[in-house]
Amino acid sequence: MTEAIEGLSFEAAMAELEAVVRKLEGGQVALEESIALYERGAALRAHCDARLRAAEERIEMIRAAEGRATGTTPAEGF
């Protein structure tokens, strides 16, 4: 868990986040370690969210370049 989060791929960050959640849910870690794990998990989640947003933006740019509709619109009645 010492690798800089910024250098992690989406998949590696998700795998580490899942491991953090398992440890926290297991309840077998000391309070201070739990806090450190929670902080790391929050940072991993933010990193994954940012990577997903960046991927969505790239897809929208590709769609726009192809002349296809971009974004989403809610279906009527929803």
N, C-alpha and C. Protein backbone atom coordinates (compact mmCIF):
# COMPACT_ATOMS: atom_id res chain seq x y z
N MET A 1 0.80 -1.21 0.00
CA MET A 1 0.00 0.00 0.00
C MET A 1 0.84 1.26 0.00
N THR A 2 2.08 1.15 -0.32
CA THR A 2 2.94 2.33 -0.25
C THR A 2 3.09 3.03 -1.59
N GLU A 3 2.65 2.43 -2.67
CA GLU A 3 2.78 3.04 -3.98
C GLU A 3 1.92 4.30 -4.06
N ALA A 4 2.49 5.32 -4.73
CA ALA A 4 1.73 6.57 -4.91
C ALA A 4 0.47 6.27 -5.70
N ILE A 5 -0.63 6.80 -5.24
CA ILE A 5 -1.91 6.53 -5.87
C ILE A 5 -1.96 7.07 -7.28
N GLU A 6 -1.35 8.23 -7.51
CA GLU A 6 -1.38 8.86 -8.83
C GLU A 6 -0.80 7.95 -9.91
N GLY A 7 0.10 7.07 -9.55
CA GLY A 7 0.74 6.19 -10.51
C GLY A 7 -0.02 4.90 -10.78
N LEU A 8 -1.12 4.68 -10.06
CA LEU A 8 -1.87 3.44 -10.22
C LEU A 8 -2.83 3.51 -11.39
N SER A 9 -2.96 2.40 -12.09
CA SER A 9 -3.99 2.29 -13.11
C SER A 9 -5.33 2.19 -12.40
N PHE A 10 -6.40 2.37 -13.15
CA PHE A 10 -7.74 2.24 -12.58
C PHE A 10 -7.90 0.85 -11.96
N GLU A 11 -7.50 -0.17 -12.71
CA GLU A 11 -7.68 -1.55 -12.24
C GLU A 11 -6.88 -1.83 -10.97
N ALA A 12 -5.64 -1.33 -10.92
CA ALA A 12 -4.82 -1.55 -9.72
C ALA A 12 -5.41 -0.82 -8.53
N ALA A 13 -5.90 0.40 -8.75
CA ALA A 13 -6.50 1.16 -7.66
C ALA A 13 -7.76 0.48 -7.15
N MET A 14 -8.58 -0.04 -8.06
CA MET A 14 -9.80 -0.74 -7.64
C MET A 14 -9.47 -1.99 -6.85
N ALA A 15 -8.46 -2.73 -7.30
CA ALA A 15 -8.07 -3.95 -6.58
C ALA A 15 -7.60 -3.61 -5.18
N GLU A 16 -6.81 -2.55 -5.06
CA GLU A 16 -6.34 -2.16 -3.73
C GLU A 16 -7.49 -1.66 -2.87
N LEU A 17 -8.41 -0.91 -3.48
CA LEU A 17 -9.58 -0.43 -2.74
C LEU A 17 -10.41 -1.59 -2.21
N GLU A 18 -10.59 -2.60 -3.02
CA GLU A 18 -11.33 -3.79 -2.58
C GLU A 18 -10.62 -4.47 -1.42
N ALA A 19 -9.29 -4.53 -1.47
CA ALA A 19 -8.53 -5.14 -0.37
C ALA A 19 -8.67 -4.32 0.91
N VAL A 20 -8.66 -3.00 0.78
CA VAL A 20 -8.84 -2.13 1.94
C VAL A 20 -10.21 -2.36 2.56
N VAL A 21 -11.24 -2.43 1.73
CA VAL A 21 -12.60 -2.65 2.23
C VAL A 21 -12.70 -3.98 2.96
N ARG A 22 -12.10 -5.03 2.38
CA ARG A 22 -12.12 -6.34 3.04
C ARG A 22 -11.48 -6.28 4.41
N LYS A 23 -10.33 -5.59 4.51
CA LYS A 23 -9.65 -5.48 5.80
C LYS A 23 -10.51 -4.74 6.81
N LEU A 24 -11.09 -3.63 6.37
CA LEU A 24 -11.92 -2.85 7.28
C LEU A 24 -13.16 -3.61 7.71
N GLU A 25 -13.78 -4.30 6.77
CA GLU A 25 -14.98 -5.08 7.11
C GLU A 25 -14.66 -6.27 7.99
N GLY A 26 -13.43 -6.77 7.89
CA GLY A 26 -13.03 -7.90 8.72
C GLY A 26 -12.93 -7.56 10.20
N GLY A 27 -12.73 -6.28 10.47
CA GLY A 27 -12.69 -5.83 11.86
C GLY A 27 -11.51 -6.33 12.66
N GLN A 28 -10.47 -6.80 12.02
CA GLN A 28 -9.34 -7.37 12.75
C GLN A 28 -8.12 -6.45 12.77
N VAL A 29 -8.31 -5.16 12.50
CA VAL A 29 -7.19 -4.23 12.51
C VAL A 29 -7.36 -3.22 13.64
N ALA A 30 -6.24 -2.76 14.15
CA ALA A 30 -6.25 -1.79 15.24
C ALA A 30 -6.83 -0.46 14.76
N LEU A 31 -7.24 0.35 15.72
CA LEU A 31 -7.89 1.62 15.41
C LEU A 31 -7.03 2.50 14.52
N GLU A 32 -5.79 2.70 14.86
CA GLU A 32 -4.92 3.57 14.06
C GLU A 32 -4.74 3.03 12.64
N GLU A 33 -4.60 1.73 12.51
CA GLU A 33 -4.48 1.14 11.17
C GLU A 33 -5.79 1.29 10.41
N SER A 34 -6.90 1.16 11.11
CA SER A 34 -8.21 1.36 10.47
C SER A 34 -8.34 2.76 9.91
N ILE A 35 -7.88 3.75 10.68
CA ILE A 35 -7.94 5.14 10.21
C ILE A 35 -7.06 5.32 8.98
N ALA A 36 -5.86 4.77 9.02
CA ALA A 36 -4.95 4.87 7.88
C ALA A 36 -5.54 4.17 6.65
N LEU A 37 -6.14 3.01 6.87
CA LEU A 37 -6.78 2.29 5.76
C LEU A 37 -7.95 3.08 5.19
N TYR A 38 -8.73 3.69 6.05
CA TYR A 38 -9.87 4.49 5.61
C TYR A 38 -9.39 5.68 4.76
N GLU A 39 -8.33 6.34 5.22
CA GLU A 39 -7.77 7.46 4.46
C GLU A 39 -7.28 7.00 3.10
N ARG A 40 -6.57 5.89 3.07
CA ARG A 40 -6.06 5.36 1.81
C ARG A 40 -7.24 4.98 0.91
N GLY A 41 -8.26 4.35 1.47
CA GLY A 41 -9.43 3.98 0.69
C GLY A 41 -10.14 5.18 0.09
N ALA A 42 -10.25 6.25 0.86
CA ALA A 42 -10.89 7.47 0.35
C ALA A 42 -10.08 8.05 -0.81
N ALA A 43 -8.77 8.03 -0.69
CA ALA A 43 -7.91 8.54 -1.76
C ALA A 43 -8.00 7.64 -3.00
N LEU A 44 -8.05 6.35 -2.79
CA LEU A 44 -8.19 5.41 -3.91
C LEU A 44 -9.51 5.61 -4.63
N ARG A 45 -10.57 5.81 -3.87
CA ARG A 45 -11.89 6.05 -4.47
C ARG A 45 -11.89 7.32 -5.30
N ALA A 46 -11.30 8.37 -4.77
CA ALA A 46 -11.23 9.63 -5.51
C ALA A 46 -10.42 9.45 -6.80
N HIS A 47 -9.35 8.69 -6.73
CA HIS A 47 -8.52 8.42 -7.91
C HIS A 47 -9.32 7.65 -8.96
N CYS A 48 -10.05 6.64 -8.52
CA CYS A 48 -10.88 5.85 -9.46
C CYS A 48 -11.96 6.72 -10.09
N ASP A 49 -12.59 7.56 -9.29
CA ASP A 49 -13.61 8.47 -9.83
C ASP A 49 -13.01 9.39 -10.88
N ALA A 50 -11.83 9.93 -10.60
CA ALA A 50 -11.18 10.84 -11.56
C ALA A 50 -10.83 10.10 -12.85
N ARG A 51 -10.34 8.87 -12.72
CA ARG A 51 -9.99 8.09 -13.91
C ARG A 51 -11.24 7.79 -14.75
N LEU A 52 -12.35 7.47 -14.10
CA LEU A 52 -13.59 7.21 -14.82
C LEU A 52 -14.09 8.47 -15.53
N ARG A 53 -14.04 9.60 -14.84
CA ARG A 53 -14.46 10.86 -15.47
C ARG A 53 -13.60 11.17 -16.69
N ALA A 54 -12.29 10.96 -16.57
CA ALA A 54 -11.39 11.22 -17.69
C ALA A 54 -11.72 10.30 -18.87
N ALA A 55 -12.02 9.04 -18.59
CA ALA A 55 -12.38 8.10 -19.65
C ALA A 55 -13.69 8.52 -20.32
N GLU A 56 -14.66 8.95 -19.52
CA GLU A 56 -15.93 9.40 -20.08
C GLU A 56 -15.73 10.62 -20.97
N GLU A 57 -14.87 11.54 -20.55
CA GLU A 57 -14.59 12.72 -21.36
C GLU A 57 -13.94 12.34 -22.68
N ARG A 58 -13.01 11.40 -22.64
CA ARG A 58 -12.36 10.95 -23.88
C ARG A 58 -13.38 10.33 -24.83
N ILE A 59 -14.29 9.53 -24.29
CA ILE A 59 -15.32 8.91 -25.12
C ILE A 59 -16.21 9.97 -25.74
N GLU A 60 -16.58 10.98 -24.95
CA GLU A 60 -17.41 12.06 -25.47
C GLU A 60 -16.69 12.81 -26.60
N MET A 61 -15.39 13.02 -26.46
CA MET A 61 -14.61 13.70 -27.50
C MET A 61 -14.57 12.86 -28.77
N ILE A 62 -14.43 11.57 -28.63
CA ILE A 62 -14.42 10.67 -29.80
C ILE A 62 -15.78 10.71 -30.48
N ARG A 63 -16.83 10.63 -29.69
CA ARG A 63 -18.18 10.67 -30.26
C ARG A 63 -18.43 11.99 -30.98
N ALA A 64 -18.00 13.09 -30.38
CA ALA A 64 -18.20 14.40 -30.99
C ALA A 64 -17.41 14.50 -32.29
N ALA A 65 -16.20 13.98 -32.31
CA ALA A 65 -15.38 14.02 -33.51
C ALA A 65 -16.00 13.20 -34.64
N GLU A 66 -16.73 12.17 -34.27
CA GLU A 66 -17.41 11.32 -35.26
C GLU A 66 -18.76 11.89 -35.66
N GLY A 67 -19.15 13.01 -35.05
CA GLY A 67 -20.43 13.61 -35.36
C GLY A 67 -21.60 12.91 -34.70
N ARG A 68 -21.32 12.10 -33.71
CA ARG A 68 -22.37 11.38 -33.00
C ARG A 68 -22.81 12.18 -31.80
N ALA A 69 -23.99 11.90 -31.32
CA ALA A 69 -24.53 12.59 -30.15
C ALA A 69 -23.64 12.34 -28.94
N THR A 70 -23.52 13.36 -28.13
CA THR A 70 -22.73 13.23 -26.90
C THR A 70 -23.63 13.46 -25.71
N GLY A 71 -23.18 13.00 -24.56
CA GLY A 71 -23.95 13.17 -23.35
C GLY A 71 -25.14 12.23 -23.29
N THR A 72 -25.87 12.39 -22.24
CA THR A 72 -27.06 11.56 -22.06
C THR A 72 -28.23 12.47 -21.76
N THR A 73 -29.37 12.04 -22.13
CA THR A 73 -30.58 12.77 -21.78
C THR A 73 -31.52 11.79 -21.11
N PRO A 74 -32.20 12.22 -20.09
CA PRO A 74 -33.10 11.30 -19.40
C PRO A 74 -34.28 10.90 -20.30
N ALA A 75 -34.69 9.67 -20.14
CA ALA A 75 -35.85 9.21 -20.88
C ALA A 75 -37.09 9.91 -20.34
N GLU A 76 -38.05 10.10 -21.20
CA GLU A 76 -39.27 10.78 -20.77
C GLU A 76 -39.93 10.03 -19.65
N GLY A 77 -40.31 10.77 -18.62
CA GLY A 77 -41.00 10.16 -17.48
C GLY A 77 -40.08 9.73 -16.37
N PHE A 78 -38.78 9.86 -16.55
CA PHE A 78 -37.84 9.47 -15.50
C PHE A 78 -37.23 10.68 -14.86
